[in-house]
Amino acid sequence: MFGHSKDQEGKIHELVQKGKWDKLKKYLSGSKEEQISLAKACKLSSCDDSVNLLINLLNFSSDNEVVMEALQSLGEVGTDHAVSQVQLLLNKIDKNNQPLYNTIMDTLHKLRGKR
């Protein structure tokens, strides 16, 4: 079963590298592992489609691990256009969730002024 997960991760990375964004959308509603793999793979591309997938993960995933991975990738490939989406997330979270709060603040720091 672990091998399947690695195969799936490789497939997702390959789809990102080839720019097959429509095929990647199905992973937005996939398993937690698929969503994490998608978030990691999206940092291979800084195109708008990659950033949009990451923002979708932020908006629709309720799993903190997925959200934190999406934030880390967004901090690498996103621009200042994503700041408002991250700020919305900041307003929705429990401020006592220190790891998530810190990841959001780090991402905001990376995105502000980035073009």
PDB file of N, CA and C in Angstrom:
ATOM      1  N   MET A   1       0.819  -1.191   0.000  1.00  0.00           N
ATOM      2  CA  MET A   1       0.000   0.000   0.000  1.00  0.00           C
ATOM      3  C   MET A   1       0.862   1.253   0.000  1.00  0.00           C
ATOM      4  N   PHE A   2       1.969   1.227   0.713  1.00  0.00           N
ATOM      5  CA  PHE A   2       2.876   2.361   0.755  1.00  0.00           C
ATOM      6  C   PHE A   2       3.442   2.642  -0.625  1.00  0.00           C
ATOM      7  N   GLY A   3       3.747   1.608  -1.374  1.00  0.00           N
ATOM      8  CA  GLY A   3       4.257   1.756  -2.724  1.00  0.00           C
ATOM      9  C   GLY A   3       3.262   2.463  -3.630  1.00  0.00           C
ATOM     10  N   HIS A   4       1.984   2.160  -3.451  1.00  0.00           N
ATOM     11  CA  HIS A   4       0.942   2.804  -4.242  1.00  0.00           C
ATOM     12  C   HIS A   4       0.944   4.301  -3.978  1.00  0.00           C
ATOM     13  N   SER A   5       1.117   4.683  -2.731  1.00  0.00           N
ATOM     14  CA  SER A   5       1.138   6.092  -2.372  1.00  0.00           C
ATOM     15  C   SER A   5       2.289   6.802  -3.071  1.00  0.00           C
ATOM     16  N   LYS A   6       3.459   6.164  -3.111  1.00  0.00           N
ATOM     17  CA  LYS A   6       4.617   6.747  -3.783  1.00  0.00           C
ATOM     18  C   LYS A   6       4.374   6.819  -5.286  1.00  0.00           C
ATOM     19  N   ASP A   7       3.723   5.787  -5.860  1.00  0.00           N
ATOM     20  CA  ASP A   7       3.394   5.804  -7.280  1.00  0.00           C
ATOM     21  C   ASP A   7       2.456   6.969  -7.588  1.00  0.00           C
ATOM     22  N   GLN A   8       1.473   7.169  -6.725  1.00  0.00           N
ATOM     23  CA  GLN A   8       0.504   8.242  -6.907  1.00  0.00           C
ATOM     24  C   GLN A   8       1.200   9.595  -6.817  1.00  0.00           C
ATOM     25  N   GLU A   9       2.108   9.740  -5.876  1.00  0.00           N
ATOM     26  CA  GLU A   9       2.844  10.991  -5.722  1.00  0.00           C
ATOM     27  C   GLU A   9       3.661  11.286  -6.982  1.00  0.00           C
ATOM     28  N   GLY A  10       4.309  10.260  -7.525  1.00  0.00           N
ATOM     29  CA  GLY A  10       5.071  10.417  -8.756  1.00  0.00           C
ATOM     30  C   GLY A  10       4.188  10.825  -9.928  1.00  0.00           C
ATOM     31  N   LYS A  11       2.996  10.229  -9.996  1.00  0.00           N
ATOM     32  CA  LYS A  11       2.049  10.552 -11.059  1.00  0.00           C
ATOM     33  C   LYS A  11       1.608  12.015 -10.952  1.00  0.00           C
ATOM     34  N   ILE A  12       1.339  12.458  -9.738  1.00  0.00           N
ATOM     35  CA  ILE A  12       0.917  13.844  -9.520  1.00  0.00           C
ATOM     36  C   ILE A  12       2.039  14.804  -9.919  1.00  0.00           C
ATOM     37  N   HIS A  13       3.267  14.494  -9.515  1.00  0.00           N
ATOM     38  CA  HIS A  13       4.417  15.339  -9.889  1.00  0.00           C
ATOM     39  C   HIS A  13       4.553  15.419 -11.408  1.00  0.00           C
ATOM     40  N   GLU A  14       4.386  14.291 -12.068  1.00  0.00           N
ATOM     41  CA  GLU A  14       4.498  14.242 -13.525  1.00  0.00           C
ATOM     42  C   GLU A  14       3.420  15.089 -14.198  1.00  0.00           C
ATOM     43  N   LEU A  15       2.195  15.014 -13.667  1.00  0.00           N
ATOM     44  CA  LEU A  15       1.103  15.807 -14.230  1.00  0.00           C
ATOM     45  C   LEU A  15       1.360  17.303 -14.059  1.00  0.00           C
ATOM     46  N   VAL A  16       1.939  17.696 -12.930  1.00  0.00           N
ATOM     47  CA  VAL A  16       2.274  19.106 -12.709  1.00  0.00           C
ATOM     48  C   VAL A  16       3.348  19.543 -13.710  1.00  0.00           C
ATOM     49  N   GLN A  17       4.364  18.735 -13.856  1.00  0.00           N
ATOM     50  CA  GLN A  17       5.449  19.086 -14.774  1.00  0.00           C
ATOM     51  C   GLN A  17       4.956  19.206 -16.212  1.00  0.00           C
ATOM     52  N   LYS A  18       3.956  18.412 -16.569  1.00  0.00           N
ATOM     53  CA  LYS A  18       3.400  18.462 -17.923  1.00  0.00           C
ATOM     54  C   LYS A  18       2.305  19.519 -18.065  1.00  0.00           C
ATOM     55  N   GLY A  19       1.913  20.134 -16.942  1.00  0.00           N
ATOM     56  CA  GLY A  19       0.880  21.165 -16.983  1.00  0.00           C
ATOM     57  C   GLY A  19      -0.512  20.634 -17.243  1.00  0.00           C
ATOM     58  N   LYS A  20      -0.805  19.446 -16.764  1.00  0.00           N
ATOM     59  CA  LYS A  20      -2.120  18.816 -16.954  1.00  0.00           C
ATOM     60  C   LYS A  20      -3.057  19.212 -15.806  1.00  0.00           C
ATOM     61  N   TRP A  21      -3.393  20.496 -15.769  1.00  0.00           N
ATOM     62  CA  TRP A  21      -4.125  21.051 -14.625  1.00  0.00           C
ATOM     63  C   TRP A  21      -5.529  20.481 -14.495  1.00  0.00           C
ATOM     64  N   ASP A  22      -6.205  20.220 -15.595  1.00  0.00           N
ATOM     65  CA  ASP A  22      -7.557  19.656 -15.518  1.00  0.00           C
ATOM     66  C   ASP A  22      -7.546  18.268 -14.878  1.00  0.00           C
ATOM     67  N   LYS A  23      -6.532  17.478 -15.206  1.00  0.00           N
ATOM     68  CA  LYS A  23      -6.424  16.143 -14.614  1.00  0.00           C
ATOM     69  C   LYS A  23      -6.076  16.227 -13.134  1.00  0.00           C
ATOM     70  N   LEU A  24      -5.355  17.267 -12.742  1.00  0.00           N
ATOM     71  CA  LEU A  24      -4.948  17.412 -11.342  1.00  0.00           C
ATOM     72  C   LEU A  24      -6.100  17.837 -10.441  1.00  0.00           C
ATOM     73  N   LYS A  25      -7.121  18.459 -11.001  1.00  0.00           N
ATOM     74  CA  LYS A  25      -8.246  18.947 -10.195  1.00  0.00           C
ATOM     75  C   LYS A  25      -8.942  17.831  -9.419  1.00  0.00           C
ATOM     76  N   LYS A  26      -8.904  16.612  -9.955  1.00  0.00           N
ATOM     77  CA  LYS A  26      -9.577  15.508  -9.259  1.00  0.00           C
ATOM     78  C   LYS A  26      -8.939  15.219  -7.904  1.00  0.00           C
ATOM     79  N   TYR A  27      -7.671  15.575  -7.746  1.00  0.00           N
ATOM     80  CA  TYR A  27      -6.983  15.321  -6.477  1.00  0.00           C
ATOM     81  C   TYR A  27      -7.369  16.319  -5.383  1.00  0.00           C
ATOM     82  N   LEU A  28      -8.051  17.384  -5.761  1.00  0.00           N
ATOM     83  CA  LEU A  28      -8.531  18.335  -4.757  1.00  0.00           C
ATOM     84  C   LEU A  28      -9.510  17.663  -3.802  1.00  0.00           C
ATOM     85  N   SER A  29     -10.257  16.704  -4.304  1.00  0.00           N
ATOM     86  CA  SER A  29     -11.217  15.986  -3.463  1.00  0.00           C
ATOM     87  C   SER A  29     -10.738  14.563  -3.171  1.00  0.00           C
ATOM     88  N   GLY A  30      -9.462  14.324  -3.391  1.00  0.00           N
ATOM     89  CA  GLY A  30      -8.896  12.999  -3.152  1.00  0.00           C
ATOM     90  C   GLY A  30      -8.603  12.754  -1.679  1.00  0.00           C
ATOM     91  N   SER A  31      -7.856  11.715  -1.431  1.00  0.00           N
ATOM     92  CA  SER A  31      -7.482  11.366  -0.056  1.00  0.00           C
ATOM     93  C   SER A  31      -6.530  12.420   0.507  1.00  0.00           C
ATOM     94  N   LYS A  32      -6.331  12.374   1.789  1.00  0.00           N
ATOM     95  CA  LYS A  32      -5.406  13.293   2.451  1.00  0.00           C
ATOM     96  C   LYS A  32      -4.016  13.177   1.827  1.00  0.00           C
ATOM     97  N   GLU A  33      -3.573  11.964   1.572  1.00  0.00           N
ATOM     98  CA  GLU A  33      -2.251  11.740   0.988  1.00  0.00           C
ATOM     99  C   GLU A  33      -2.162  12.346  -0.407  1.00  0.00           C
ATOM    100  N   GLU A  34      -3.234  12.204  -1.193  1.00  0.00           N
ATOM    101  CA  GLU A  34      -3.250  12.777  -2.533  1.00  0.00           C
ATOM    102  C   GLU A  34      -3.215  14.302  -2.473  1.00  0.00           C
ATOM    103  N   GLN A  35      -3.949  14.870  -1.541  1.00  0.00           N
ATOM    104  CA  GLN A  35      -3.959  16.324  -1.398  1.00  0.00           C
ATOM    105  C   GLN A  35      -2.586  16.842  -0.969  1.00  0.00           C
ATOM    106  N   ILE A  36      -1.928  16.143  -0.063  1.00  0.00           N
ATOM    107  CA  ILE A  36      -0.583  16.541   0.362  1.00  0.00           C
ATOM    108  C   ILE A  36       0.387  16.420  -0.808  1.00  0.00           C
ATOM    109  N   SER A  37       0.290  15.342  -1.571  1.00  0.00           N
ATOM    110  CA  SER A  37       1.142  15.162  -2.751  1.00  0.00           C
ATOM    111  C   SER A  37       0.897  16.273  -3.765  1.00  0.00           C
ATOM    112  N   LEU A  38      -0.362  16.641  -3.947  1.00  0.00           N
ATOM    113  CA  LEU A  38      -0.704  17.726  -4.863  1.00  0.00           C
ATOM    114  C   LEU A  38      -0.080  19.036  -4.396  1.00  0.00           C
ATOM    115  N   ALA A  39      -0.188  19.322  -3.114  1.00  0.00           N
ATOM    116  CA  ALA A  39       0.390  20.556  -2.570  1.00  0.00           C
ATOM    117  C   ALA A  39       1.906  20.591  -2.769  1.00  0.00           C
ATOM    118  N   LYS A  40       2.556  19.473  -2.508  1.00  0.00           N
ATOM    119  CA  LYS A  40       4.012  19.406  -2.685  1.00  0.00           C
ATOM    120  C   LYS A  40       4.388  19.571  -4.154  1.00  0.00           C
ATOM    121  N   ALA A  41       3.643  18.925  -5.037  1.00  0.00           N
ATOM    122  CA  ALA A  41       3.952  18.964  -6.464  1.00  0.00           C
ATOM    123  C   ALA A  41       3.732  20.355  -7.058  1.00  0.00           C
ATOM    124  N   CYS A  42       2.768  21.078  -6.531  1.00  0.00           N
ATOM    125  CA  CYS A  42       2.457  22.401  -7.078  1.00  0.00           C
ATOM    126  C   CYS A  42       3.601  23.393  -6.900  1.00  0.00           C
ATOM    127  N   LYS A  43       4.511  23.127  -5.998  1.00  0.00           N
ATOM    128  CA  LYS A  43       5.627  24.066  -5.861  1.00  0.00           C
ATOM    129  C   LYS A  43       6.668  23.880  -6.970  1.00  0.00           C
ATOM    130  N   LEU A  44       6.434  22.913  -7.863  1.00  0.00           N
ATOM    131  CA  LEU A  44       7.300  22.729  -9.026  1.00  0.00           C
ATOM    132  C   LEU A  44       6.969  23.725 -10.139  1.00  0.00           C
ATOM    133  N   SER A  45       5.842  24.409 -10.015  1.00  0.00           N
ATOM    134  CA  SER A  45       5.401  25.337 -11.052  1.00  0.00           C
ATOM    135  C   SER A  45       4.833  26.600 -10.420  1.00  0.00           C
ATOM    136  N   SER A  46       5.248  27.730 -10.924  1.00  0.00           N
ATOM    137  CA  SER A  46       4.737  28.984 -10.374  1.00  0.00           C
ATOM    138  C   SER A  46       3.656  29.600 -11.265  1.00  0.00           C
ATOM    139  N   CYS A  47       3.101  28.806 -12.165  1.00  0.00           N
ATOM    140  CA  CYS A  47       2.050  29.346 -13.033  1.00  0.00           C
ATOM    141  C   CYS A  47       0.757  29.551 -12.235  1.00  0.00           C
ATOM    142  N   ASP A  48      -0.139  30.323 -12.816  1.00  0.00           N
ATOM    143  CA  ASP A  48      -1.398  30.644 -12.139  1.00  0.00           C
ATOM    144  C   ASP A  48      -2.206  29.400 -11.790  1.00  0.00           C
ATOM    145  N   ASP A  49      -2.180  28.382 -12.655  1.00  0.00           N
ATOM    146  CA  ASP A  49      -2.958  27.167 -12.401  1.00  0.00           C
ATOM    147  C   ASP A  49      -2.473  26.461 -11.139  1.00  0.00           C
ATOM    148  N   SER A  50      -1.175  26.441 -10.945  1.00  0.00           N
ATOM    149  CA  SER A  50      -0.605  25.820  -9.753  1.00  0.00           C
ATOM    150  C   SER A  50      -1.036  26.581  -8.499  1.00  0.00           C
ATOM    151  N   VAL A  51      -0.933  27.887  -8.562  1.00  0.00           N
ATOM    152  CA  VAL A  51      -1.327  28.736  -7.430  1.00  0.00           C
ATOM    153  C   VAL A  51      -2.825  28.573  -7.153  1.00  0.00           C
ATOM    154  N   ASN A  52      -3.631  28.490  -8.196  1.00  0.00           N
ATOM    155  CA  ASN A  52      -5.080  28.314  -8.009  1.00  0.00           C
ATOM    156  C   ASN A  52      -5.399  26.987  -7.320  1.00  0.00           C
ATOM    157  N   LEU A  53      -4.692  25.915  -7.693  1.00  0.00           N
ATOM    158  CA  LEU A  53      -4.909  24.628  -7.026  1.00  0.00           C
ATOM    159  C   LEU A  53      -4.546  24.728  -5.541  1.00  0.00           C
ATOM    160  N   LEU A  54      -3.454  25.407  -5.243  1.00  0.00           N
ATOM    161  CA  LEU A  54      -3.045  25.565  -3.841  1.00  0.00           C
ATOM    162  C   LEU A  54      -4.080  26.362  -3.056  1.00  0.00           C
ATOM    163  N   ILE A  55      -4.607  27.411  -3.658  1.00  0.00           N
ATOM    164  CA  ILE A  55      -5.638  28.213  -2.984  1.00  0.00           C
ATOM    165  C   ILE A  55      -6.900  27.385  -2.773  1.00  0.00           C
ATOM    166  N   ASN A  56      -7.247  26.552  -3.749  1.00  0.00           N
ATOM    167  CA  ASN A  56      -8.393  25.658  -3.562  1.00  0.00           C
ATOM    168  C   ASN A  56      -8.177  24.713  -2.392  1.00  0.00           C
ATOM    169  N   LEU A  57      -6.969  24.198  -2.251  1.00  0.00           N
ATOM    170  CA  LEU A  57      -6.671  23.335  -1.096  1.00  0.00           C
ATOM    171  C   LEU A  57      -6.852  24.104   0.208  1.00  0.00           C
ATOM    172  N   LEU A  58      -6.407  25.345   0.225  1.00  0.00           N
ATOM    173  CA  LEU A  58      -6.566  26.168   1.433  1.00  0.00           C
ATOM    174  C   LEU A  58      -8.034  26.367   1.778  1.00  0.00           C
ATOM    175  N   ASN A  59      -8.833  26.619   0.758  1.00  0.00           N
ATOM    176  CA  ASN A  59     -10.236  26.958   0.983  1.00  0.00           C
ATOM    177  C   ASN A  59     -11.123  25.765   1.310  1.00  0.00           C
ATOM    178  N   PHE A  60     -10.760  24.586   0.802  1.00  0.00           N
ATOM    179  CA  PHE A  60     -11.696  23.473   0.908  1.00  0.00           C
ATOM    180  C   PHE A  60     -11.215  22.291   1.736  1.00  0.00           C
ATOM    181  N   SER A  61      -9.966  22.291   2.141  1.00  0.00           N
ATOM    182  CA  SER A  61      -9.497  21.184   2.974  1.00  0.00           C
ATOM    183  C   SER A  61      -9.675  21.542   4.443  1.00  0.00           C
ATOM    184  N   SER A  62     -10.136  20.591   5.202  1.00  0.00           N
ATOM    185  CA  SER A  62     -10.286  20.811   6.643  1.00  0.00           C
ATOM    186  C   SER A  62      -9.150  20.149   7.422  1.00  0.00           C
ATOM    187  N   ASP A  63      -8.216  19.544   6.703  1.00  0.00           N
ATOM    188  CA  ASP A  63      -7.097  18.862   7.351  1.00  0.00           C
ATOM    189  C   ASP A  63      -5.915  19.819   7.493  1.00  0.00           C
ATOM    190  N   ASN A  64      -5.449  20.013   8.718  1.00  0.00           N
ATOM    191  CA  ASN A  64      -4.361  20.963   8.967  1.00  0.00           C
ATOM    192  C   ASN A  64      -3.075  20.608   8.238  1.00  0.00           C
ATOM    193  N   GLU A  65      -2.772  19.322   8.107  1.00  0.00           N
ATOM    194  CA  GLU A  65      -1.549  18.916   7.400  1.00  0.00           C
ATOM    195  C   GLU A  65      -1.601  19.335   5.936  1.00  0.00           C
ATOM    196  N   VAL A  66      -2.746  19.131   5.315  1.00  0.00           N
ATOM    197  CA  VAL A  66      -2.925  19.508   3.913  1.00  0.00           C
ATOM    198  C   VAL A  66      -2.794  21.024   3.773  1.00  0.00           C
ATOM    199  N   VAL A  67      -3.463  21.754   4.646  1.00  0.00           N
ATOM    200  CA  VAL A  67      -3.443  23.218   4.592  1.00  0.00           C
ATOM    201  C   VAL A  67      -2.024  23.740   4.814  1.00  0.00           C
ATOM    202  N   MET A  68      -1.310  23.171   5.770  1.00  0.00           N
ATOM    203  CA  MET A  68       0.049  23.635   6.039  1.00  0.00           C
ATOM    204  C   MET A  68       0.980  23.345   4.862  1.00  0.00           C
ATOM    205  N   GLU A  69       0.826  22.196   4.226  1.00  0.00           N
ATOM    206  CA  GLU A  69       1.643  21.873   3.054  1.00  0.00           C
ATOM    207  C   GLU A  69       1.316  22.818   1.895  1.00  0.00           C
ATOM    208  N   ALA A  70       0.024  23.111   1.708  1.00  0.00           N
ATOM    209  CA  ALA A  70      -0.382  24.050   0.660  1.00  0.00           C
ATOM    210  C   ALA A  70       0.170  25.444   0.933  1.00  0.00           C
ATOM    211  N   LEU A  71       0.154  25.859   2.187  1.00  0.00           N
ATOM    212  CA  LEU A  71       0.712  27.167   2.548  1.00  0.00           C
ATOM    213  C   LEU A  71       2.204  27.240   2.263  1.00  0.00           C
ATOM    214  N   GLN A  72       2.926  26.182   2.620  1.00  0.00           N
ATOM    215  CA  GLN A  72       4.374  26.171   2.383  1.00  0.00           C
ATOM    216  C   GLN A  72       4.677  26.262   0.888  1.00  0.00           C
ATOM    217  N   SER A  73       3.926  25.531   0.079  1.00  0.00           N
ATOM    218  CA  SER A  73       4.133  25.581  -1.372  1.00  0.00           C
ATOM    219  C   SER A  73       3.740  26.942  -1.925  1.00  0.00           C
ATOM    220  N   LEU A  74       2.640  27.481  -1.432  1.00  0.00           N
ATOM    221  CA  LEU A  74       2.186  28.796  -1.882  1.00  0.00           C
ATOM    222  C   LEU A  74       3.225  29.870  -1.555  1.00  0.00           C
ATOM    223  N   GLY A  75       3.866  29.742  -0.422  1.00  0.00           N
ATOM    224  CA  GLY A  75       4.921  30.678  -0.053  1.00  0.00           C
ATOM    225  C   GLY A  75       6.086  30.649  -1.022  1.00  0.00           C
ATOM    226  N   GLU A  76       6.306  29.517  -1.658  1.00  0.00           N
ATOM    227  CA  GLU A  76       7.402  29.388  -2.617  1.00  0.00           C
ATOM    228  C   GLU A  76       7.029  29.861  -4.020  1.00  0.00           C
ATOM    229  N   VAL A  77       5.798  29.567  -4.465  1.00  0.00           N
ATOM    230  CA  VAL A  77       5.445  29.849  -5.859  1.00  0.00           C
ATOM    231  C   VAL A  77       4.404  30.950  -6.036  1.00  0.00           C
ATOM    232  N   GLY A  78       3.768  31.356  -4.954  1.00  0.00           N
ATOM    233  CA  GLY A  78       2.722  32.367  -5.059  1.00  0.00           C
ATOM    234  C   GLY A  78       3.287  33.768  -5.185  1.00  0.00           C
ATOM    235  N   THR A  79       2.396  34.702  -5.439  1.00  0.00           N
ATOM    236  CA  THR A  79       2.760  36.115  -5.511  1.00  0.00           C
ATOM    237  C   THR A  79       1.890  36.892  -4.532  1.00  0.00           C
ATOM    238  N   ASP A  80       2.063  38.201  -4.520  1.00  0.00           N
ATOM    239  CA  ASP A  80       1.280  39.009  -3.589  1.00  0.00           C
ATOM    240  C   ASP A  80      -0.220  38.966  -3.883  1.00  0.00           C
ATOM    241  N   HIS A  81      -0.606  38.425  -5.037  1.00  0.00           N
ATOM    242  CA  HIS A  81      -2.035  38.279  -5.347  1.00  0.00           C
ATOM    243  C   HIS A  81      -2.711  37.242  -4.443  1.00  0.00           C
ATOM    244  N   ALA A  82      -1.925  36.351  -3.850  1.00  0.00           N
ATOM    245  CA  ALA A  82      -2.482  35.312  -2.982  1.00  0.00           C
ATOM    246  C   ALA A  82      -2.618  35.774  -1.535  1.00  0.00           C
ATOM    247  N   VAL A  83      -2.105  36.943  -1.210  1.00  0.00           N
ATOM    248  CA  VAL A  83      -2.111  37.422   0.176  1.00  0.00           C
ATOM    249  C   VAL A  83      -3.522  37.474   0.742  1.00  0.00           C
ATOM    250  N   SER A  84      -4.470  37.994  -0.020  1.00  0.00           N
ATOM    251  CA  SER A  84      -5.836  38.135   0.506  1.00  0.00           C
ATOM    252  C   SER A  84      -6.440  36.785   0.867  1.00  0.00           C
ATOM    253  N   GLN A  85      -6.164  35.751   0.073  1.00  0.00           N
ATOM    254  CA  GLN A  85      -6.688  34.412   0.367  1.00  0.00           C
ATOM    255  C   GLN A  85      -6.091  33.855   1.660  1.00  0.00           C
ATOM    256  N   VAL A  86      -4.818  34.110   1.854  1.00  0.00           N
ATOM    257  CA  VAL A  86      -4.153  33.628   3.068  1.00  0.00           C
ATOM    258  C   VAL A  86      -4.657  34.414   4.280  1.00  0.00           C
ATOM    259  N   GLN A  87      -4.905  35.693   4.104  1.00  0.00           N
ATOM    260  CA  GLN A  87      -5.444  36.503   5.200  1.00  0.00           C
ATOM    261  C   GLN A  87      -6.842  36.032   5.593  1.00  0.00           C
ATOM    262  N   LEU A  88      -7.648  35.640   4.612  1.00  0.00           N
ATOM    263  CA  LEU A  88      -8.977  35.092   4.920  1.00  0.00           C
ATOM    264  C   LEU A  88      -8.853  33.834   5.773  1.00  0.00           C
ATOM    265  N   LEU A  89      -7.895  33.005   5.424  1.00  0.00           N
ATOM    266  CA  LEU A  89      -7.665  31.786   6.203  1.00  0.00           C
ATOM    267  C   LEU A  89      -7.248  32.142   7.620  1.00  0.00           C
ATOM    268  N   LEU A  90      -6.408  33.142   7.755  1.00  0.00           N
ATOM    269  CA  LEU A  90      -5.957  33.587   9.077  1.00  0.00           C
ATOM    270  C   LEU A  90      -7.141  33.997   9.949  1.00  0.00           C
ATOM    271  N   ASN A  91      -8.129  34.638   9.337  1.00  0.00           N
ATOM    272  CA  ASN A  91      -9.312  35.073  10.085  1.00  0.00           C
ATOM    273  C   ASN A  91     -10.215  33.911  10.497  1.00  0.00           C
ATOM    274  N   LYS A  92     -10.114  32.773   9.802  1.00  0.00           N
ATOM    275  CA  LYS A  92     -10.991  31.624  10.071  1.00  0.00           C
ATOM    276  C   LYS A  92     -10.427  30.638  11.091  1.00  0.00           C
ATOM    277  N   ILE A  93      -9.109  30.644  11.292  1.00  0.00           N
ATOM    278  CA  ILE A  93      -8.515  29.583  12.112  1.00  0.00           C
ATOM    279  C   ILE A  93      -8.599  29.901  13.598  1.00  0.00           C
ATOM    280  N   ASP A  94      -8.413  28.869  14.391  1.00  0.00           N
ATOM    281  CA  ASP A  94      -8.303  29.003  15.841  1.00  0.00           C
ATOM    282  C   ASP A  94      -6.896  29.513  16.139  1.00  0.00           C
ATOM    283  N   LYS A  95      -6.816  30.687  16.737  1.00  0.00           N
ATOM    284  CA  LYS A  95      -5.500  31.296  17.015  1.00  0.00           C
ATOM    285  C   LYS A  95      -4.672  30.465  17.989  1.00  0.00           C
ATOM    286  N   ASN A  96      -5.296  29.522  18.682  1.00  0.00           N
ATOM    287  CA  ASN A  96      -4.557  28.643  19.590  1.00  0.00           C
ATOM    288  C   ASN A  96      -3.833  27.526  18.849  1.00  0.00           C
ATOM    289  N   ASN A  97      -4.130  27.370  17.563  1.00  0.00           N
ATOM    290  CA  ASN A  97      -3.439  26.376  16.742  1.00  0.00           C
ATOM    291  C   ASN A  97      -2.131  27.012  16.273  1.00  0.00           C
ATOM    292  N   GLN A  98      -1.158  26.996  17.155  1.00  0.00           N
ATOM    293  CA  GLN A  98       0.096  27.713  16.929  1.00  0.00           C
ATOM    294  C   GLN A  98       0.855  27.269  15.672  1.00  0.00           C
ATOM    295  N   PRO A  99       0.981  25.954  15.397  1.00  0.00           N
ATOM    296  CA  PRO A  99       1.706  25.561  14.178  1.00  0.00           C
ATOM    297  C   PRO A  99       1.062  26.120  12.900  1.00  0.00           C
ATOM    298  N   LEU A 100      -0.261  26.050  12.805  1.00  0.00           N
ATOM    299  CA  LEU A 100      -0.959  26.569  11.625  1.00  0.00           C
ATOM    300  C   LEU A 100      -0.832  28.092  11.569  1.00  0.00           C
ATOM    301  N   TYR A 101      -1.016  28.741  12.689  1.00  0.00           N
ATOM    302  CA  TYR A 101      -0.884  30.204  12.750  1.00  0.00           C
ATOM    303  C   TYR A 101       0.511  30.647  12.289  1.00  0.00           C
ATOM    304  N   ASN A 102       1.538  29.971  12.782  1.00  0.00           N
ATOM    305  CA  ASN A 102       2.914  30.319  12.411  1.00  0.00           C
ATOM    306  C   ASN A 102       3.172  30.089  10.926  1.00  0.00           C
ATOM    307  N   THR A 103       2.613  29.003  10.371  1.00  0.00           N
ATOM    308  CA  THR A 103       2.781  28.720   8.946  1.00  0.00           C
ATOM    309  C   THR A 103       2.095  29.787   8.107  1.00  0.00           C
ATOM    310  N   ILE A 104       0.920  30.215   8.519  1.00  0.00           N
ATOM    311  CA  ILE A 104       0.209  31.284   7.805  1.00  0.00           C
ATOM    312  C   ILE A 104       1.025  32.576   7.837  1.00  0.00           C
ATOM    313  N   MET A 105       1.529  32.937   9.002  1.00  0.00           N
ATOM    314  CA  MET A 105       2.306  34.170   9.132  1.00  0.00           C
ATOM    315  C   MET A 105       3.581  34.102   8.291  1.00  0.00           C
ATOM    316  N   ASP A 106       4.230  32.953   8.270  1.00  0.00           N
ATOM    317  CA  ASP A 106       5.435  32.773   7.460  1.00  0.00           C
ATOM    318  C   ASP A 106       5.102  32.917   5.971  1.00  0.00           C
ATOM    319  N   THR A 107       3.987  32.320   5.555  1.00  0.00           N
ATOM    320  CA  THR A 107       3.565  32.411   4.162  1.00  0.00           C
ATOM    321  C   THR A 107       3.245  33.848   3.779  1.00  0.00           C
ATOM    322  N   LEU A 108       2.535  34.563   4.640  1.00  0.00           N
ATOM    323  CA  LEU A 108       2.229  35.960   4.373  1.00  0.00           C
ATOM    324  C   LEU A 108       3.500  36.785   4.214  1.00  0.00           C
ATOM    325  N   HIS A 109       4.455  36.523   5.064  1.00  0.00           N
ATOM    326  CA  HIS A 109       5.746  37.222   5.003  1.00  0.00           C
ATOM    327  C   HIS A 109       6.425  36.973   3.652  1.00  0.00           C
ATOM    328  N   LYS A 110       6.387  35.738   3.187  1.00  0.00           N
ATOM    329  CA  LYS A 110       7.031  35.387   1.915  1.00  0.00           C
ATOM    330  C   LYS A 110       6.290  36.009   0.718  1.00  0.00           C
ATOM    331  N   LEU A 111       4.967  36.103   0.813  1.00  0.00           N
ATOM    332  CA  LEU A 111       4.163  36.554  -0.329  1.00  0.00           C
ATOM    333  C   LEU A 111       4.111  38.056  -0.489  1.00  0.00           C
ATOM    334  N   ARG A 112       4.147  38.796   0.605  1.00  0.00           N
ATOM    335  CA  ARG A 112       3.967  40.246   0.524  1.00  0.00           C
ATOM    336  C   ARG A 112       5.064  40.883  -0.331  1.00  0.00           C
ATOM    337  N   GLY A 113       4.623  41.591  -1.342  1.00  0.00           N
ATOM    338  CA  GLY A 113       5.550  42.285  -2.228  1.00  0.00           C
ATOM    339  C   GLY A 113       6.179  41.410  -3.293  1.00  0.00           C
ATOM    340  N   LYS A 114       5.852  40.124  -3.305  1.00  0.00           N
ATOM    341  CA  LYS A 114       6.432  39.200  -4.275  1.00  0.00           C
ATOM    342  C   LYS A 114       5.637  39.266  -5.578  1.00  0.00           C
ATOM    343  N   ARG A 115       6.324  39.420  -6.665  1.00  0.00           N
ATOM    344  CA  ARG A 115       5.659  39.524  -7.973  1.00  0.00           C
ATOM    345  C   ARG A 115       6.038  38.387  -8.861  1.00  0.00           C
TER     346      ARG A 115
END
